[in-house]
């Protein structure tokens, strides 16, 4: 089975490090799958869900913030501002964050505040969607 080395780093911890068969990343315009011997590249990632298929056949799901991924010589490093496993997400807090972000989006705000509220809403929705799967 073809595998590659994956390391997922967030601003406060090492989320994952091992050999894997596949990684699915969230991008601004959809998703991207990475498999062994993928073309070398560096690309920006978005807030969303990552899916990791390990060499042992396990599937690991996580919620990540914005960041970037570097793919070089069958080694992948994903660096994001946050990374959480579904079981670590507090659904009550995620619902509250969703409601706050929706309220801020309804108000007249500057473009910067609007983008921050939009990102908060995206994070909250992703957290809620991923925790429904467990």
N, C-alpha and C. Protein backbone atom coordinates (compact mmCIF):
# COMPACT_ATOMS: atom_id res chain seq x y z
N UNK A 1 0.84 -1.17 0.00
CA UNK A 1 0.00 0.00 0.00
C UNK A 1 0.89 1.24 0.00
N UNK A 2 0.62 2.19 -0.90
CA UNK A 2 1.39 3.42 -0.97
C UNK A 2 0.99 4.36 0.15
N UNK A 3 1.98 4.87 0.87
CA UNK A 3 1.72 5.81 1.96
C UNK A 3 2.66 7.00 1.83
N UNK A 4 2.37 8.02 2.62
CA UNK A 4 3.24 9.18 2.72
C UNK A 4 3.23 9.67 4.16
N UNK A 5 4.22 10.46 4.51
CA UNK A 5 4.32 10.99 5.87
C UNK A 5 3.48 12.26 5.98
N UNK A 6 2.68 12.36 7.03
CA UNK A 6 1.84 13.53 7.27
C UNK A 6 2.08 14.07 8.67
N UNK A 7 2.22 15.38 8.75
CA UNK A 7 2.30 16.08 10.03
C UNK A 7 1.30 17.23 9.97
N UNK A 8 0.40 17.28 10.98
CA UNK A 8 -0.58 18.36 11.08
C UNK A 8 -0.27 19.14 12.35
N UNK A 9 0.11 20.41 12.15
CA UNK A 9 0.47 21.28 13.27
C UNK A 9 -0.53 22.41 13.39
N UNK A 10 -0.98 22.66 14.62
CA UNK A 10 -1.80 23.86 14.86
C UNK A 10 -0.95 24.81 15.69
N UNK A 11 -1.48 25.98 15.95
CA UNK A 11 -0.70 26.99 16.67
C UNK A 11 -0.35 26.56 18.09
N UNK A 12 -1.08 25.61 18.65
CA UNK A 12 -0.82 25.23 20.04
C UNK A 12 -0.46 23.77 20.27
N UNK A 13 -0.47 22.94 19.22
CA UNK A 13 -0.19 21.52 19.44
C UNK A 13 0.12 20.79 18.14
N UNK A 14 0.65 19.62 18.31
CA UNK A 14 0.81 18.68 17.20
C UNK A 14 -0.48 17.86 17.15
N UNK A 15 -1.25 18.01 16.09
CA UNK A 15 -2.55 17.33 15.97
C UNK A 15 -2.37 15.89 15.51
N UNK A 16 -1.47 15.67 14.53
CA UNK A 16 -1.30 14.33 13.98
C UNK A 16 0.09 14.21 13.37
N UNK A 17 0.67 12.99 13.47
CA UNK A 17 1.96 12.72 12.82
C UNK A 17 2.09 11.21 12.64
N UNK A 18 2.11 10.78 11.37
CA UNK A 18 2.25 9.36 11.08
C UNK A 18 2.22 9.17 9.56
N UNK A 19 2.33 7.92 9.13
CA UNK A 19 2.21 7.59 7.72
C UNK A 19 0.73 7.38 7.41
N UNK A 20 0.30 7.89 6.27
CA UNK A 20 -1.11 7.81 5.89
C UNK A 20 -1.25 7.43 4.42
N UNK A 21 -2.46 7.03 4.04
CA UNK A 21 -2.76 6.69 2.65
C UNK A 21 -3.38 7.87 1.91
N UNK A 22 -4.17 8.68 2.65
CA UNK A 22 -4.87 9.77 2.00
C UNK A 22 -5.19 10.88 3.01
N UNK A 23 -5.18 12.11 2.50
CA UNK A 23 -5.57 13.29 3.27
C UNK A 23 -6.51 14.11 2.41
N UNK A 24 -7.67 14.48 2.96
CA UNK A 24 -8.61 15.35 2.26
C UNK A 24 -8.64 16.68 3.00
N UNK A 25 -8.36 17.75 2.25
CA UNK A 25 -8.21 19.10 2.82
C UNK A 25 -9.34 20.02 2.37
N UNK A 26 -9.73 20.97 3.23
CA UNK A 26 -10.69 21.99 2.79
C UNK A 26 -9.97 23.14 2.10
N UNK A 27 -10.47 23.55 0.95
CA UNK A 27 -9.93 24.69 0.22
C UNK A 27 -11.04 25.73 0.07
N UNK A 28 -10.67 26.90 -0.35
CA UNK A 28 -11.65 27.98 -0.54
C UNK A 28 -12.76 27.57 -1.51
N UNK A 29 -12.42 26.80 -2.53
CA UNK A 29 -13.38 26.43 -3.57
C UNK A 29 -13.74 24.94 -3.58
N UNK A 30 -13.58 24.27 -2.44
CA UNK A 30 -13.94 22.85 -2.38
C UNK A 30 -12.96 22.07 -1.53
N UNK A 31 -12.68 20.87 -1.96
CA UNK A 31 -11.75 19.99 -1.23
C UNK A 31 -10.67 19.50 -2.18
N UNK A 32 -9.57 19.04 -1.58
CA UNK A 32 -8.47 18.47 -2.35
C UNK A 32 -7.99 17.22 -1.63
N UNK A 33 -7.82 16.14 -2.37
CA UNK A 33 -7.29 14.90 -1.81
C UNK A 33 -5.82 14.78 -2.15
N UNK A 34 -5.05 14.34 -1.18
CA UNK A 34 -3.62 14.10 -1.37
C UNK A 34 -3.36 12.62 -1.13
N UNK A 35 -2.66 12.01 -2.06
CA UNK A 35 -2.27 10.62 -1.90
C UNK A 35 -0.77 10.51 -2.12
N UNK A 36 -0.25 9.31 -1.95
CA UNK A 36 1.19 9.08 -2.09
C UNK A 36 1.68 9.57 -3.45
N UNK A 37 2.86 10.15 -3.46
CA UNK A 37 3.55 10.63 -4.66
C UNK A 37 2.81 11.76 -5.36
N UNK A 38 2.10 12.57 -4.58
CA UNK A 38 1.39 13.73 -5.12
C UNK A 38 2.41 14.74 -5.64
N UNK A 39 2.02 15.54 -6.59
CA UNK A 39 2.90 16.59 -7.12
C UNK A 39 3.28 17.56 -6.00
N UNK A 40 4.52 18.05 -6.04
CA UNK A 40 4.99 19.01 -5.05
C UNK A 40 4.24 20.33 -5.20
N UNK A 41 3.82 20.92 -4.07
CA UNK A 41 3.12 22.21 -4.11
C UNK A 41 2.97 22.77 -2.71
N UNK A 42 2.66 24.05 -2.66
CA UNK A 42 2.25 24.73 -1.44
C UNK A 42 0.94 25.41 -1.77
N UNK A 43 -0.07 25.20 -0.92
CA UNK A 43 -1.40 25.74 -1.21
C UNK A 43 -2.08 26.17 0.09
N UNK A 44 -2.88 27.23 0.01
CA UNK A 44 -3.63 27.72 1.17
C UNK A 44 -4.82 26.81 1.43
N UNK A 45 -5.12 26.61 2.71
CA UNK A 45 -6.29 25.83 3.10
C UNK A 45 -7.29 26.73 3.81
N UNK A 46 -8.53 26.26 3.88
CA UNK A 46 -9.61 27.03 4.50
C UNK A 46 -10.08 26.37 5.79
N UNK A 47 -10.98 27.06 6.44
CA UNK A 47 -11.65 26.50 7.61
C UNK A 47 -12.52 25.34 7.11
N UNK A 48 -12.43 24.22 7.80
CA UNK A 48 -13.26 23.09 7.38
C UNK A 48 -12.83 21.79 8.01
N UNK A 49 -13.25 20.72 7.39
CA UNK A 49 -13.02 19.37 7.89
C UNK A 49 -11.86 18.71 7.14
N UNK A 50 -10.96 18.08 7.89
CA UNK A 50 -9.95 17.24 7.24
C UNK A 50 -10.29 15.78 7.54
N UNK A 51 -9.97 14.94 6.57
CA UNK A 51 -10.16 13.50 6.73
C UNK A 51 -8.84 12.82 6.42
N UNK A 52 -8.39 12.02 7.35
CA UNK A 52 -7.10 11.33 7.22
C UNK A 52 -7.37 9.83 7.23
N UNK A 53 -6.88 9.14 6.21
CA UNK A 53 -6.98 7.68 6.17
C UNK A 53 -5.58 7.14 6.49
N UNK A 54 -5.43 6.51 7.63
CA UNK A 54 -4.12 6.05 8.07
C UNK A 54 -3.71 4.77 7.33
N UNK A 55 -2.45 4.43 7.47
CA UNK A 55 -1.92 3.21 6.85
C UNK A 55 -2.56 1.98 7.48
N UNK A 56 -3.09 2.11 8.70
CA UNK A 56 -3.73 0.99 9.40
C UNK A 56 -5.21 0.86 9.05
N UNK A 57 -5.72 1.75 8.18
CA UNK A 57 -7.11 1.68 7.76
C UNK A 57 -8.07 2.51 8.59
N UNK A 58 -7.58 3.23 9.59
CA UNK A 58 -8.43 4.08 10.41
C UNK A 58 -8.74 5.38 9.66
N UNK A 59 -9.87 5.98 9.99
CA UNK A 59 -10.17 7.31 9.45
C UNK A 59 -10.24 8.28 10.62
N UNK A 60 -9.47 9.35 10.51
CA UNK A 60 -9.43 10.39 11.53
C UNK A 60 -10.03 11.64 10.92
N UNK A 61 -10.96 12.24 11.65
CA UNK A 61 -11.62 13.45 11.20
C UNK A 61 -11.24 14.58 12.14
N UNK A 62 -11.06 15.75 11.59
CA UNK A 62 -10.74 16.92 12.41
C UNK A 62 -11.33 18.18 11.81
N UNK A 63 -11.41 19.21 12.64
CA UNK A 63 -11.85 20.53 12.19
C UNK A 63 -10.63 21.43 12.27
N UNK A 64 -10.31 22.09 11.16
CA UNK A 64 -9.13 22.95 11.13
C UNK A 64 -9.50 24.37 10.74
N UNK A 65 -8.66 25.29 11.17
CA UNK A 65 -8.79 26.68 10.77
C UNK A 65 -7.98 26.92 9.51
N UNK A 66 -7.81 28.17 9.17
CA UNK A 66 -7.06 28.51 7.96
C UNK A 66 -5.58 28.18 8.13
N UNK A 67 -4.92 27.95 7.02
CA UNK A 67 -3.51 27.64 7.06
C UNK A 67 -2.97 27.35 5.67
N UNK A 68 -1.95 26.52 5.62
CA UNK A 68 -1.41 26.12 4.33
C UNK A 68 -0.81 24.73 4.44
N UNK A 69 -0.68 24.08 3.29
CA UNK A 69 -0.11 22.74 3.23
C UNK A 69 1.07 22.76 2.28
N UNK A 70 2.12 22.08 2.68
CA UNK A 70 3.31 21.93 1.83
C UNK A 70 3.46 20.44 1.51
N UNK A 71 3.54 20.15 0.21
CA UNK A 71 3.70 18.77 -0.25
C UNK A 71 5.02 18.72 -1.00
N UNK A 72 5.99 17.97 -0.46
CA UNK A 72 7.31 17.86 -1.07
C UNK A 72 7.85 16.45 -0.82
N UNK A 73 8.27 15.78 -1.87
CA UNK A 73 8.93 14.47 -1.77
C UNK A 73 8.19 13.48 -0.89
N UNK A 74 6.90 13.31 -1.13
CA UNK A 74 6.09 12.33 -0.41
C UNK A 74 5.98 12.63 1.09
N UNK A 75 6.15 13.90 1.45
CA UNK A 75 5.98 14.36 2.83
C UNK A 75 5.03 15.56 2.80
N UNK A 76 4.05 15.55 3.68
CA UNK A 76 3.04 16.60 3.72
C UNK A 76 3.04 17.22 5.11
N UNK A 77 3.12 18.54 5.13
CA UNK A 77 3.02 19.28 6.39
C UNK A 77 1.86 20.26 6.24
N UNK A 78 0.88 20.12 7.12
CA UNK A 78 -0.27 21.01 7.16
C UNK A 78 -0.13 21.87 8.41
N UNK A 79 -0.06 23.18 8.22
CA UNK A 79 0.05 24.12 9.34
C UNK A 79 -1.21 24.98 9.35
N UNK A 80 -1.94 24.92 10.47
CA UNK A 80 -3.22 25.63 10.59
C UNK A 80 -3.27 26.40 11.91
N UNK A 81 -4.17 27.38 11.97
CA UNK A 81 -4.25 28.15 13.21
C UNK A 81 -4.96 27.38 14.33
N UNK A 82 -5.82 26.40 13.99
CA UNK A 82 -6.45 25.56 15.01
C UNK A 82 -6.79 24.20 14.41
N UNK A 83 -6.78 23.19 15.27
CA UNK A 83 -7.14 21.83 14.85
C UNK A 83 -7.78 21.12 16.05
N UNK A 84 -8.96 20.54 15.82
CA UNK A 84 -9.69 19.87 16.89
C UNK A 84 -10.26 18.55 16.40
N UNK A 85 -10.31 17.60 17.30
CA UNK A 85 -11.00 16.35 17.02
C UNK A 85 -12.47 16.52 17.41
N UNK A 86 -13.38 15.82 16.76
CA UNK A 86 -14.82 15.98 17.07
C UNK A 86 -15.15 15.78 18.54
N UNK A 87 -14.50 14.82 19.18
CA UNK A 87 -14.81 14.54 20.59
C UNK A 87 -14.33 15.65 21.54
N UNK A 88 -13.47 16.55 21.05
CA UNK A 88 -12.99 17.66 21.88
C UNK A 88 -13.84 18.92 21.72
N UNK A 89 -14.83 18.89 20.84
CA UNK A 89 -15.64 20.06 20.56
C UNK A 89 -16.84 20.11 21.49
N UNK A 90 -17.05 21.26 22.10
CA UNK A 90 -18.20 21.50 22.96
C UNK A 90 -19.34 22.02 22.08
N UNK A 91 -20.36 21.19 21.86
CA UNK A 91 -21.46 21.56 20.97
C UNK A 91 -22.23 22.79 21.46
N UNK A 92 -22.38 22.92 22.75
CA UNK A 92 -23.11 24.08 23.30
C UNK A 92 -22.36 25.37 22.96
N UNK A 93 -21.06 25.36 23.18
CA UNK A 93 -20.26 26.55 22.85
C UNK A 93 -20.27 26.82 21.35
N UNK A 94 -20.24 25.77 20.54
CA UNK A 94 -20.27 25.94 19.09
C UNK A 94 -21.60 26.56 18.65
N UNK A 95 -22.71 26.12 19.25
CA UNK A 95 -24.01 26.70 18.91
C UNK A 95 -24.07 28.18 19.32
N UNK A 96 -23.53 28.49 20.50
CA UNK A 96 -23.50 29.88 20.95
C UNK A 96 -22.65 30.74 20.02
N UNK A 97 -21.51 30.22 19.60
CA UNK A 97 -20.63 30.95 18.68
C UNK A 97 -21.33 31.17 17.35
N UNK A 98 -22.08 30.18 16.89
CA UNK A 98 -22.84 30.31 15.64
C UNK A 98 -23.87 31.43 15.76
N UNK A 99 -24.60 31.44 16.85
CA UNK A 99 -25.62 32.48 17.06
C UNK A 99 -24.99 33.88 17.14
N UNK A 100 -23.87 34.01 17.85
CA UNK A 100 -23.19 35.31 17.94
C UNK A 100 -22.71 35.78 16.58
N UNK A 101 -22.13 34.86 15.81
CA UNK A 101 -21.63 35.22 14.48
C UNK A 101 -22.76 35.62 13.55
N UNK A 102 -23.87 34.90 13.60
CA UNK A 102 -25.02 35.26 12.76
C UNK A 102 -25.57 36.64 13.13
N UNK A 103 -25.61 36.94 14.43
CA UNK A 103 -26.09 38.25 14.86
C UNK A 103 -25.14 39.36 14.38
N UNK A 104 -23.85 39.14 14.50
CA UNK A 104 -22.88 40.15 14.04
C UNK A 104 -22.99 40.35 12.53
N UNK A 105 -23.27 39.29 11.79
CA UNK A 105 -23.41 39.42 10.33
C UNK A 105 -24.65 40.23 9.94
N UNK A 106 -25.68 40.19 10.78
CA UNK A 106 -26.90 40.96 10.50
C UNK A 106 -26.70 42.46 10.75
N UNK A 107 -25.72 42.81 11.57
CA UNK A 107 -25.47 44.21 11.89
C UNK A 107 -24.59 44.84 10.82
N UNK A 108 -24.69 46.15 10.71
CA UNK A 108 -23.83 46.88 9.78
C UNK A 108 -22.43 46.94 10.39
N UNK A 109 -21.46 46.37 9.72
CA UNK A 109 -20.09 46.31 10.22
C UNK A 109 -19.12 46.73 9.13
N UNK A 110 -17.91 46.99 9.55
CA UNK A 110 -16.86 47.25 8.57
C UNK A 110 -16.55 45.95 7.84
N UNK A 111 -15.84 46.05 6.74
CA UNK A 111 -15.48 44.86 5.97
C UNK A 111 -14.65 43.89 6.80
N UNK A 112 -13.72 44.43 7.59
CA UNK A 112 -12.87 43.58 8.45
C UNK A 112 -13.73 42.82 9.46
N UNK A 113 -14.64 43.52 10.13
CA UNK A 113 -15.50 42.87 11.11
C UNK A 113 -16.41 41.84 10.44
N UNK A 114 -16.89 42.16 9.25
CA UNK A 114 -17.73 41.23 8.51
C UNK A 114 -16.96 39.94 8.21
N UNK A 115 -15.73 40.06 7.73
CA UNK A 115 -14.91 38.88 7.40
C UNK A 115 -14.62 38.05 8.65
N UNK A 116 -14.37 38.71 9.78
CA UNK A 116 -14.12 37.99 11.04
C UNK A 116 -15.37 37.23 11.47
N UNK A 117 -16.53 37.88 11.36
CA UNK A 117 -17.79 37.22 11.72
C UNK A 117 -18.08 36.06 10.79
N UNK A 118 -17.78 36.24 9.51
CA UNK A 118 -17.97 35.17 8.53
C UNK A 118 -17.08 33.96 8.86
N UNK A 119 -15.84 34.21 9.25
CA UNK A 119 -14.93 33.12 9.63
C UNK A 119 -15.41 32.43 10.90
N UNK A 120 -15.90 33.20 11.87
CA UNK A 120 -16.43 32.61 13.10
C UNK A 120 -17.62 31.71 12.81
N UNK A 121 -18.50 32.17 11.94
CA UNK A 121 -19.66 31.37 11.57
C UNK A 121 -19.23 30.09 10.86
N UNK A 122 -18.28 30.18 9.98
CA UNK A 122 -17.79 29.01 9.26
C UNK A 122 -17.19 27.97 10.22
N UNK A 123 -16.38 28.45 11.18
CA UNK A 123 -15.81 27.54 12.19
C UNK A 123 -16.91 26.86 12.99
N UNK A 124 -17.89 27.65 13.46
CA UNK A 124 -18.96 27.09 14.28
C UNK A 124 -19.77 26.06 13.50
N UNK A 125 -20.12 26.35 12.27
CA UNK A 125 -20.90 25.41 11.46
C UNK A 125 -20.13 24.13 11.20
N UNK A 126 -18.84 24.25 10.95
CA UNK A 126 -18.01 23.05 10.71
C UNK A 126 -17.93 22.21 11.97
N UNK A 127 -17.75 22.85 13.11
CA UNK A 127 -17.70 22.12 14.38
C UNK A 127 -19.01 21.36 14.62
N UNK A 128 -20.12 22.03 14.40
CA UNK A 128 -21.41 21.37 14.61
C UNK A 128 -21.62 20.22 13.64
N UNK A 129 -21.27 20.41 12.36
CA UNK A 129 -21.44 19.37 11.35
C UNK A 129 -20.59 18.14 11.66
N UNK A 130 -19.35 18.36 12.08
CA UNK A 130 -18.45 17.22 12.35
C UNK A 130 -18.88 16.47 13.60
N UNK A 131 -19.35 17.19 14.63
CA UNK A 131 -19.75 16.50 15.86
C UNK A 131 -21.04 15.72 15.68
N UNK A 132 -21.84 16.04 14.68
CA UNK A 132 -23.05 15.25 14.42
C UNK A 132 -22.70 13.86 13.91
N UNK A 133 -21.50 13.67 13.36
CA UNK A 133 -21.10 12.39 12.79
C UNK A 133 -20.68 11.37 13.84
N UNK A 134 -20.34 11.86 15.05
CA UNK A 134 -19.87 10.89 16.06
C UNK A 134 -20.97 10.44 16.96
